[in-house]
N, C-alpha and C. Protein backbone atom coordinates (compact mmCIF):
# COMPACT_ATOMS: atom_id res chain seq x y z
N MET A 1 -19.43 2.05 -11.89
CA MET A 1 -18.75 3.01 -11.04
C MET A 1 -17.88 2.28 -10.01
N LEU A 2 -18.42 1.23 -9.41
CA LEU A 2 -17.64 0.49 -8.42
C LEU A 2 -16.43 -0.18 -9.05
N ALA A 3 -16.60 -0.72 -10.24
CA ALA A 3 -15.48 -1.36 -10.93
C ALA A 3 -14.37 -0.36 -11.21
N MET A 4 -14.73 0.86 -11.58
CA MET A 4 -13.73 1.88 -11.85
C MET A 4 -13.00 2.27 -10.56
N ARG A 5 -13.73 2.36 -9.46
CA ARG A 5 -13.10 2.70 -8.18
C ARG A 5 -12.14 1.59 -7.75
N ARG A 6 -12.54 0.34 -7.97
CA ARG A 6 -11.66 -0.78 -7.61
C ARG A 6 -10.41 -0.76 -8.47
N ALA A 7 -10.56 -0.52 -9.76
CA ALA A 7 -9.40 -0.46 -10.66
C ALA A 7 -8.47 0.68 -10.26
N ASN A 8 -9.03 1.81 -9.87
CA ASN A 8 -8.20 2.93 -9.40
C ASN A 8 -7.46 2.56 -8.11
N GLY A 9 -8.13 1.85 -7.23
CA GLY A 9 -7.48 1.41 -6.00
C GLY A 9 -6.30 0.49 -6.27
N VAL A 10 -6.47 -0.43 -7.21
CA VAL A 10 -5.38 -1.33 -7.60
C VAL A 10 -4.22 -0.52 -8.17
N ARG A 11 -4.54 0.44 -9.02
CA ARG A 11 -3.50 1.27 -9.62
C ARG A 11 -2.72 2.04 -8.55
N HIS A 12 -3.43 2.59 -7.58
CA HIS A 12 -2.78 3.33 -6.49
C HIS A 12 -1.90 2.42 -5.64
N LEU A 13 -2.37 1.22 -5.35
CA LEU A 13 -1.57 0.28 -4.57
C LEU A 13 -0.29 -0.09 -5.33
N ARG A 14 -0.40 -0.33 -6.63
CA ARG A 14 0.78 -0.65 -7.43
C ARG A 14 1.78 0.51 -7.44
N GLN A 15 1.27 1.72 -7.59
CA GLN A 15 2.15 2.90 -7.59
C GLN A 15 2.84 3.07 -6.24
N ALA A 16 2.10 2.86 -5.17
CA ALA A 16 2.69 3.00 -3.84
C ALA A 16 3.75 1.94 -3.60
N LEU A 17 3.48 0.71 -3.99
CA LEU A 17 4.48 -0.35 -3.84
C LEU A 17 5.74 -0.05 -4.65
N ALA A 18 5.57 0.45 -5.86
CA ALA A 18 6.72 0.78 -6.70
C ALA A 18 7.52 1.92 -6.10
N ALA A 19 6.84 2.92 -5.57
CA ALA A 19 7.53 4.07 -4.98
C ALA A 19 8.24 3.69 -3.69
N TYR A 20 7.67 2.78 -2.94
CA TYR A 20 8.20 2.39 -1.63
C TYR A 20 9.36 1.40 -1.74
N GLN A 21 9.42 0.67 -2.84
CA GLN A 21 10.43 -0.37 -3.00
C GLN A 21 11.83 0.23 -2.91
N GLY A 22 12.64 -0.35 -2.03
CA GLY A 22 14.01 0.08 -1.85
C GLY A 22 14.17 1.28 -0.93
N ARG A 23 13.08 1.81 -0.41
CA ARG A 23 13.16 3.00 0.44
C ARG A 23 12.86 2.74 1.91
N GLY A 24 12.21 1.64 2.18
CA GLY A 24 11.80 1.40 3.55
C GLY A 24 12.00 -0.05 3.92
N PRO A 25 11.56 -0.39 5.12
CA PRO A 25 11.71 -1.78 5.55
C PRO A 25 10.89 -2.74 4.70
N VAL A 26 11.47 -3.87 4.41
CA VAL A 26 10.81 -4.88 3.58
C VAL A 26 9.75 -5.61 4.39
N VAL A 27 9.80 -5.50 5.69
CA VAL A 27 8.90 -6.26 6.55
C VAL A 27 7.42 -5.96 6.26
N ASP A 28 7.09 -4.77 5.80
CA ASP A 28 5.70 -4.42 5.50
C ASP A 28 5.25 -4.86 4.11
N ARG A 29 6.18 -5.14 3.23
CA ARG A 29 5.84 -5.42 1.83
C ARG A 29 4.89 -6.62 1.65
N PRO A 30 5.06 -7.74 2.37
CA PRO A 30 4.11 -8.84 2.19
C PRO A 30 2.66 -8.45 2.51
N LEU A 31 2.47 -7.61 3.52
CA LEU A 31 1.13 -7.15 3.86
C LEU A 31 0.54 -6.36 2.70
N TRP A 32 1.29 -5.43 2.16
CA TRP A 32 0.79 -4.60 1.06
C TRP A 32 0.57 -5.42 -0.20
N LEU A 33 1.41 -6.41 -0.42
CA LEU A 33 1.20 -7.29 -1.57
C LEU A 33 -0.06 -8.12 -1.40
N ALA A 34 -0.33 -8.56 -0.18
CA ALA A 34 -1.56 -9.31 0.08
C ALA A 34 -2.78 -8.43 -0.14
N LEU A 35 -2.71 -7.19 0.29
CA LEU A 35 -3.81 -6.25 0.04
C LEU A 35 -4.00 -6.01 -1.45
N LEU A 36 -2.89 -5.90 -2.17
CA LEU A 36 -2.96 -5.75 -3.62
C LEU A 36 -3.60 -6.98 -4.26
N GLY A 37 -3.26 -8.15 -3.77
CA GLY A 37 -3.86 -9.38 -4.28
C GLY A 37 -5.36 -9.40 -4.09
N GLU A 38 -5.81 -9.03 -2.92
CA GLU A 38 -7.25 -8.98 -2.64
C GLU A 38 -7.94 -7.93 -3.50
N ALA A 39 -7.35 -6.76 -3.58
CA ALA A 39 -7.94 -5.68 -4.38
C ALA A 39 -8.00 -6.07 -5.86
N SER A 40 -6.96 -6.71 -6.35
CA SER A 40 -6.93 -7.13 -7.75
C SER A 40 -8.04 -8.14 -8.02
N SER A 41 -8.21 -9.08 -7.11
CA SER A 41 -9.26 -10.08 -7.26
C SER A 41 -10.63 -9.43 -7.30
N GLN A 42 -10.87 -8.49 -6.40
CA GLN A 42 -12.16 -7.80 -6.36
C GLN A 42 -12.37 -6.90 -7.57
N ALA A 43 -11.28 -6.49 -8.21
CA ALA A 43 -11.38 -5.65 -9.40
C ALA A 43 -11.50 -6.48 -10.67
N GLY A 44 -11.66 -7.79 -10.51
CA GLY A 44 -11.84 -8.65 -11.67
C GLY A 44 -10.55 -9.07 -12.34
N GLN A 45 -9.44 -9.02 -11.59
CA GLN A 45 -8.13 -9.40 -12.11
C GLN A 45 -7.55 -10.53 -11.25
N PRO A 46 -8.18 -11.71 -11.29
CA PRO A 46 -7.76 -12.79 -10.39
C PRO A 46 -6.33 -13.25 -10.61
N GLU A 47 -5.86 -13.28 -11.86
CA GLU A 47 -4.48 -13.72 -12.11
C GLU A 47 -3.48 -12.75 -11.49
N ALA A 48 -3.73 -11.46 -11.64
CA ALA A 48 -2.85 -10.45 -11.04
C ALA A 48 -2.89 -10.57 -9.51
N GLY A 49 -4.08 -10.87 -8.98
CA GLY A 49 -4.21 -11.06 -7.54
C GLY A 49 -3.41 -12.24 -7.04
N LEU A 50 -3.48 -13.34 -7.76
CA LEU A 50 -2.71 -14.53 -7.36
C LEU A 50 -1.21 -14.28 -7.48
N THR A 51 -0.80 -13.53 -8.48
CA THR A 51 0.62 -13.21 -8.64
C THR A 51 1.11 -12.39 -7.45
N ALA A 52 0.32 -11.40 -7.03
CA ALA A 52 0.70 -10.58 -5.88
C ALA A 52 0.75 -11.41 -4.61
N LEU A 53 -0.21 -12.31 -4.43
CA LEU A 53 -0.21 -13.17 -3.24
C LEU A 53 0.99 -14.12 -3.25
N ASP A 54 1.33 -14.64 -4.41
CA ASP A 54 2.49 -15.52 -4.52
C ASP A 54 3.76 -14.77 -4.14
N GLU A 55 3.89 -13.54 -4.60
CA GLU A 55 5.06 -12.74 -4.25
C GLU A 55 5.09 -12.45 -2.74
N ALA A 56 3.92 -12.19 -2.16
CA ALA A 56 3.84 -11.93 -0.72
C ALA A 56 4.29 -13.14 0.09
N VAL A 57 3.82 -14.32 -0.30
CA VAL A 57 4.18 -15.54 0.42
C VAL A 57 5.67 -15.84 0.25
N THR A 58 6.17 -15.68 -0.94
CA THR A 58 7.60 -15.92 -1.19
C THR A 58 8.47 -14.98 -0.36
N LEU A 59 8.12 -13.71 -0.36
CA LEU A 59 8.89 -12.74 0.41
C LEU A 59 8.80 -13.01 1.91
N ALA A 60 7.61 -13.34 2.38
CA ALA A 60 7.44 -13.62 3.81
C ALA A 60 8.26 -14.84 4.23
N ALA A 61 8.34 -15.83 3.35
CA ALA A 61 9.10 -17.04 3.68
C ALA A 61 10.59 -16.76 3.80
N THR A 62 11.08 -15.77 3.10
CA THR A 62 12.51 -15.44 3.19
C THR A 62 12.81 -14.64 4.44
N MET A 63 11.80 -14.16 5.12
CA MET A 63 12.00 -13.32 6.30
C MET A 63 12.04 -14.12 7.59
N GLU A 64 11.69 -15.37 7.54
CA GLU A 64 11.63 -16.19 8.76
C GLU A 64 13.00 -16.46 9.33
C-alpha cells in the first residue's frame, strides 16, 4: 500500500511539473525537481531520482 502511494505521489509531481513548465517562474523548479528526486528514490526508482536531482542542480547553476 505504501509503495503504491509513493508511486502515485511521484506521478502527481511529474504531472504538476509538466503542467507548470513554461507557465510560471523558473525559480521554483529546482525545488520541485529535488522533491521529485527524493520521492522517486523513496518509491524505489533511484535512477529517476538521480536524474531529477541532476536536472535540479543544472537548472539552479544557470540561475546564479
